[in-house]
Amino acid sequence: MTANRPVLAGVDASAPSLAAVRWAAREAGRRDTILRLLHACVFEETHDHDELLLEHVDRRLRRAAGIARDQAPGVRVETAVRLGLAADLLLEEAVDAALVVLGSHGLGGWRGALIGSVALRVAAEAPCPVVVVPGHQPTRTGPVVAGIDRSESSEHALRFAFEEAAATRAPVLVVHAGDDDAGLVARVAAWRREYPDLEVRTEVVPERVPARALEHAAPDARLIVVGTRGRGPVAGGILGSTGNALLSRAVCPVAVVH
């Protein structure tokens, strides 16, 4: 875990945003670090009602801070209002964050979209892990699921998954969509030795669509963790089809680890 860096959560009044605040509060509490709640505002020009809008934003942040403290008593909460586009501001602040937590949709998103543009861009470009949380999700007690392939990013995903599982005393399920069973066992062996008290299962799924394999492998997953392809100008290309599909359809939080 990244010590002493805050957990950063983007805030508006949407249900996924408040679900993200709850998830982020628990995470900040167990990491013993600050939870930073950020609300982005865009003013095209000065209007008389701007002061009223800022008061409204302040009420949103105070409500979110209260939700966070109820969820994780004792957690240290900071709030900030910044002018600018949400994705740009979150990516700026992510440089100094241990983790970014976002709702799958915000208030400004197109209702028909599978995932909000802010969540997609931040998940693709942030320098730290990003967790995207859907709204109205029940508490899940299943495993932490790590989806891996042969890429270097899969090792980072495995580390994040095992750390989260150890902190929450959850089992781990490592899933590989393909037919390389021996390679999967070898890669997971080192993590088993590092976390001998964890219950760990591996599963090779003969599935050409990895996102579907992950969803079917653990329908009760509390968290799904995947890596990325790196960075670049097109968010969808960075995450790849697996990341895009999971962020669009998953009914549990999804962590994207760079």
Protein backbone atom coordinates (compact mmCIF):
# COMPACT_ATOMS: atom_id res chain seq x y z
CA MET A 1 0.00 0.00 0.00
CA THR A 2 1.10 3.60 -0.61
CA ALA A 3 1.71 4.97 2.88
CA ASN A 4 0.52 8.43 3.97
CA ARG A 5 -1.09 9.31 0.66
CA PRO A 6 -4.80 10.12 0.74
CA VAL A 7 -7.65 8.17 -0.75
CA LEU A 8 -9.28 10.53 -3.25
CA ALA A 9 -12.99 10.35 -4.07
CA GLY A 10 -14.90 12.39 -6.63
CA VAL A 11 -18.19 13.70 -5.26
CA ASP A 12 -21.52 14.83 -6.68
CA ALA A 13 -25.03 13.95 -5.52
CA SER A 14 -25.51 10.84 -7.67
CA ALA A 15 -26.13 7.43 -6.12
CA PRO A 16 -22.92 5.91 -7.56
CA SER A 17 -20.91 8.87 -6.21
CA LEU A 18 -22.24 8.38 -2.68
CA ALA A 19 -21.63 4.63 -2.95
CA ALA A 20 -18.05 5.50 -3.91
CA VAL A 21 -17.75 7.75 -0.84
CA ARG A 22 -18.77 4.86 1.41
CA TRP A 23 -16.27 2.50 -0.23
CA ALA A 24 -13.51 5.12 -0.11
CA ALA A 25 -14.21 5.89 3.56
CA ARG A 26 -13.79 2.24 4.56
CA GLU A 27 -10.60 2.05 2.52
CA ALA A 28 -9.15 5.24 4.02
CA GLY A 29 -10.04 4.03 7.49
CA ARG A 30 -8.29 0.70 7.13
CA ARG A 31 -5.26 2.37 5.51
CA ASP A 32 -5.22 4.92 8.35
CA THR A 33 -4.97 7.78 5.91
CA ILE A 34 -6.95 10.87 4.91
CA LEU A 35 -10.06 10.68 2.75
CA ARG A 36 -10.10 13.64 0.36
CA LEU A 37 -13.48 14.47 -1.19
CA LEU A 38 -13.28 16.55 -4.37
CA HIS A 39 -16.13 18.32 -6.14
CA ALA A 40 -15.47 19.93 -9.53
CA CYS A 41 -17.37 23.03 -10.66
CA VAL A 42 -17.44 24.72 -14.05
CA PHE A 43 -18.60 28.34 -14.33
CA GLU A 44 -18.76 29.59 -17.91
CA GLU A 45 -19.08 33.19 -16.76
CA THR A 46 -19.90 35.11 -13.61
CA HIS A 47 -23.56 35.04 -12.60
CA ASP A 48 -25.41 36.35 -9.58
CA HIS A 49 -26.44 32.83 -8.61
CA ASP A 50 -22.86 31.51 -8.42
CA GLU A 51 -22.77 32.09 -4.66
CA LEU A 52 -25.95 30.06 -4.26
CA LEU A 53 -24.45 27.31 -6.39
CA LEU A 54 -21.35 27.20 -4.21
CA GLU A 55 -23.55 26.95 -1.11
CA HIS A 56 -25.33 24.03 -2.74
CA VAL A 57 -21.99 22.36 -3.50
CA ASP A 58 -20.88 22.95 0.09
CA ARG A 59 -24.01 21.18 1.35
CA ARG A 60 -23.25 18.24 -0.96
CA LEU A 61 -19.73 17.97 0.40
CA ARG A 62 -20.86 18.21 4.01
CA ARG A 63 -23.41 15.48 3.34
CA ALA A 64 -20.75 13.30 1.72
CA ALA A 65 -18.36 13.91 4.62
CA GLY A 66 -21.08 12.89 7.06
CA ILE A 67 -21.74 9.70 5.10
CA ALA A 68 -18.02 8.94 5.15
CA ARG A 69 -17.73 9.42 8.91
CA ASP A 70 -20.81 7.27 9.52
CA GLN A 71 -19.32 4.54 7.33
CA ALA A 72 -15.85 4.68 8.92
CA PRO A 73 -15.97 6.35 12.35
CA GLY A 74 -12.74 8.18 13.08
CA VAL A 75 -11.71 8.57 9.46
CA ARG A 76 -10.06 11.90 8.68
CA VAL A 77 -11.95 13.74 5.95
CA GLU A 78 -10.85 16.70 3.84
CA THR A 79 -13.17 18.42 1.36
CA ALA A 80 -12.27 20.57 -1.63
CA VAL A 81 -14.13 22.47 -4.34
CA ARG A 82 -12.11 23.24 -7.46
CA LEU A 83 -13.03 24.99 -10.69
CA GLY A 84 -12.53 22.95 -13.81
CA LEU A 85 -13.47 19.74 -15.54
CA ALA A 86 -13.86 16.79 -13.19
CA ALA A 87 -11.63 14.38 -15.11
CA ASP A 88 -8.81 16.92 -15.43
CA LEU A 89 -8.90 17.82 -11.74
CA LEU A 90 -9.09 14.22 -10.56
CA LEU A 91 -6.11 13.28 -12.72
CA GLU A 92 -4.13 16.23 -11.31
CA GLU A 93 -4.86 15.20 -7.73
CA ALA A 94 -4.32 11.51 -8.45
CA VAL A 95 -0.57 12.19 -8.75
CA ASP A 96 -0.40 12.49 -4.95
CA ALA A 97 -3.09 9.93 -4.11
CA ALA A 98 -2.80 6.31 -3.04
CA LEU A 99 -6.09 5.47 -4.71
CA VAL A 100 -8.92 7.18 -6.59
CA VAL A 101 -12.52 6.05 -6.01
CA LEU A 102 -15.32 7.10 -8.35
CA GLY A 103 -18.94 6.31 -8.98
CA SER A 104 -19.69 4.61 -12.27
CA HIS A 105 -21.87 7.57 -13.32
CA GLY A 106 -22.13 11.20 -12.31
CA LEU A 107 -24.99 13.67 -12.51
CA GLY A 108 -23.74 15.08 -15.80
CA GLY A 109 -23.56 11.77 -17.65
CA TRP A 110 -25.79 10.62 -20.47
CA ARG A 111 -28.37 8.28 -18.95
CA GLY A 112 -28.00 5.74 -21.73
CA ALA A 113 -24.24 5.43 -21.33
CA LEU A 114 -22.89 2.24 -19.77
CA ILE A 115 -20.21 4.13 -17.84
CA GLY A 116 -19.59 7.83 -17.34
CA SER A 117 -16.87 9.51 -19.36
CA VAL A 118 -15.15 10.81 -16.21
CA ALA A 119 -14.85 7.33 -14.68
CA LEU A 120 -13.62 5.86 -17.97
CA ARG A 121 -10.96 8.51 -18.54
CA VAL A 122 -9.67 8.57 -14.95
CA ALA A 123 -9.54 4.77 -14.80
CA ALA A 124 -7.51 4.77 -17.99
CA GLU A 125 -5.08 7.60 -17.27
CA ALA A 126 -4.58 7.92 -13.50
CA PRO A 127 -1.07 7.11 -12.21
CA CYS A 128 -2.50 5.25 -9.20
CA PRO A 129 -5.11 2.49 -8.89
CA VAL A 130 -8.70 3.53 -9.58
CA VAL A 131 -11.78 1.85 -8.12
CA VAL A 132 -15.10 2.40 -9.89
CA VAL A 133 -18.17 1.72 -7.74
CA PRO A 134 -21.70 1.15 -9.07
CA GLY A 135 -24.64 2.66 -7.23
CA HIS A 136 -27.20 0.81 -5.10
CA GLN A 137 -24.96 -2.20 -4.59
CA PRO A 138 -25.60 -4.65 -1.73
CA THR A 139 -22.80 -5.61 0.61
CA ARG A 140 -20.91 -8.52 -0.96
CA THR A 141 -18.98 -11.12 1.00
CA GLY A 142 -17.46 -13.14 -1.85
CA PRO A 143 -13.83 -13.24 -2.95
CA VAL A 144 -11.53 -10.60 -4.32
CA VAL A 145 -11.17 -11.63 -7.96
CA ALA A 146 -8.01 -10.90 -9.94
CA GLY A 147 -8.16 -11.22 -13.70
CA ILE A 148 -4.72 -11.86 -15.18
CA ASP A 149 -3.00 -12.48 -18.48
CA ARG A 150 0.67 -12.62 -19.45
CA SER A 151 1.27 -8.86 -19.19
CA GLU A 152 3.38 -7.06 -16.58
CA SER A 153 0.31 -5.15 -15.42
CA SER A 154 -1.15 -8.43 -14.19
CA GLU A 155 1.53 -8.62 -11.50
CA HIS A 156 0.44 -5.23 -10.19
CA ALA A 157 -3.16 -6.39 -10.28
CA LEU A 158 -2.23 -9.50 -8.28
CA ARG A 159 -0.43 -7.43 -5.67
CA PHE A 160 -3.42 -5.11 -5.26
CA ALA A 161 -5.84 -8.03 -5.05
CA PHE A 162 -3.83 -9.88 -2.40
CA GLU A 163 -3.33 -6.73 -0.33
CA GLU A 164 -7.05 -5.96 -0.42
CA ALA A 165 -7.96 -9.54 0.44
CA ALA A 166 -5.55 -9.61 3.36
CA ALA A 167 -6.90 -6.34 4.72
CA THR A 168 -10.53 -7.44 4.48
CA ARG A 169 -9.91 -11.12 5.36
CA ALA A 170 -11.44 -12.22 2.09
CA PRO A 171 -10.54 -15.19 -0.10
CA VAL A 172 -8.80 -14.63 -3.43
CA LEU A 173 -9.84 -16.03 -6.78
CA VAL A 174 -7.33 -15.64 -9.61
CA VAL A 175 -8.89 -16.08 -13.04
CA HIS A 176 -7.17 -16.51 -16.38
CA ALA A 177 -9.18 -16.73 -19.57
CA GLY A 178 -7.23 -19.17 -21.71
CA ASP A 179 -5.56 -22.57 -21.43
CA ASP A 180 -2.23 -21.87 -19.62
CA ASP A 181 -2.95 -23.68 -16.35
CA ALA A 182 0.69 -24.41 -15.45
CA GLY A 183 1.73 -20.80 -15.97
CA LEU A 184 -1.12 -19.56 -13.82
CA VAL A 185 -0.20 -21.86 -10.93
CA ALA A 186 3.44 -20.76 -11.09
CA ARG A 187 2.57 -17.06 -11.05
CA VAL A 188 0.25 -17.39 -8.08
CA ALA A 189 2.63 -19.60 -6.05
CA ALA A 190 4.79 -16.66 -4.96
CA TRP A 191 1.76 -14.75 -3.71
CA ARG A 192 0.54 -17.81 -1.79
CA ARG A 193 3.89 -17.88 0.03
CA GLU A 194 3.70 -14.18 0.83
CA TYR A 195 0.12 -14.49 2.15
CA PRO A 196 -0.01 -18.00 3.64
CA ASP A 197 -3.13 -17.30 5.70
CA LEU A 198 -5.29 -16.41 2.72
CA GLU A 199 -7.61 -18.85 1.02
CA VAL A 200 -6.55 -18.77 -2.64
CA ARG A 201 -8.14 -20.46 -5.63
CA THR A 202 -7.14 -20.35 -9.28
CA GLU A 203 -9.33 -20.93 -12.26
CA VAL A 204 -8.56 -21.16 -15.95
CA VAL A 205 -11.66 -20.43 -17.96
CA PRO A 206 -11.94 -21.43 -21.63
CA GLU A 207 -13.53 -18.15 -22.52
CA ARG A 208 -12.59 -15.86 -25.37
CA VAL A 209 -14.17 -12.87 -23.63
CA PRO A 210 -12.19 -12.34 -20.40
CA ALA A 211 -14.68 -9.92 -18.86
CA ARG A 212 -17.43 -12.51 -19.16
CA ALA A 213 -15.12 -15.11 -17.65
CA LEU A 214 -14.47 -12.91 -14.63
CA GLU A 215 -18.14 -12.16 -14.09
CA HIS A 216 -19.14 -15.82 -14.34
CA ALA A 217 -16.28 -17.09 -12.16
CA ALA A 218 -17.45 -15.21 -9.07
CA PRO A 219 -20.96 -13.74 -9.29
CA ASP A 220 -20.70 -12.77 -5.61
CA ALA A 221 -17.29 -11.03 -5.91
CA ARG A 222 -16.73 -8.13 -3.53
CA LEU A 223 -14.09 -6.62 -5.83
CA ILE A 224 -12.70 -7.39 -9.29
CA VAL A 225 -9.13 -6.30 -10.04
CA VAL A 226 -7.64 -5.95 -13.51
CA GLY A 227 -4.56 -4.35 -15.06
CA THR A 228 -4.34 -2.01 -18.05
CA ARG A 229 -2.43 -1.81 -21.28
CA GLY A 230 -0.54 1.34 -20.22
CA ARG A 231 -1.20 4.94 -21.23
CA GLY A 232 -2.16 6.64 -24.43
CA PRO A 233 -4.56 9.12 -26.05
CA VAL A 234 -7.63 6.88 -26.30
CA ALA A 235 -9.15 5.75 -23.02
CA GLY A 236 -10.88 2.71 -24.47
CA GLY A 237 -7.68 1.51 -26.07
CA ILE A 238 -5.75 1.89 -22.84
CA LEU A 239 -8.12 -0.20 -20.78
CA GLY A 240 -8.80 -2.64 -23.54
CA SER A 241 -12.01 -4.57 -24.08
CA THR A 242 -11.81 -6.38 -20.73
CA GLY A 243 -11.55 -3.21 -18.66
CA ASN A 244 -14.21 -1.42 -20.67
CA ALA A 245 -16.65 -4.31 -20.40
CA LEU A 246 -16.13 -4.77 -16.66
CA LEU A 247 -16.54 -1.08 -15.90
CA SER A 248 -19.68 -1.01 -18.00
CA ARG A 249 -21.45 -4.08 -16.62
CA ALA A 250 -20.00 -5.06 -13.26
CA VAL A 251 -22.34 -5.00 -10.27
CA CYS A 252 -19.45 -4.88 -7.80
CA PRO A 253 -16.54 -2.41 -7.51
CA VAL A 254 -13.83 -2.79 -10.14
CA ALA A 255 -10.21 -1.81 -9.50
CA VAL A 256 -8.05 -0.81 -12.46
CA VAL A 257 -4.36 -1.08 -11.59
CA HIS A 258 -1.62 0.44 -13.73
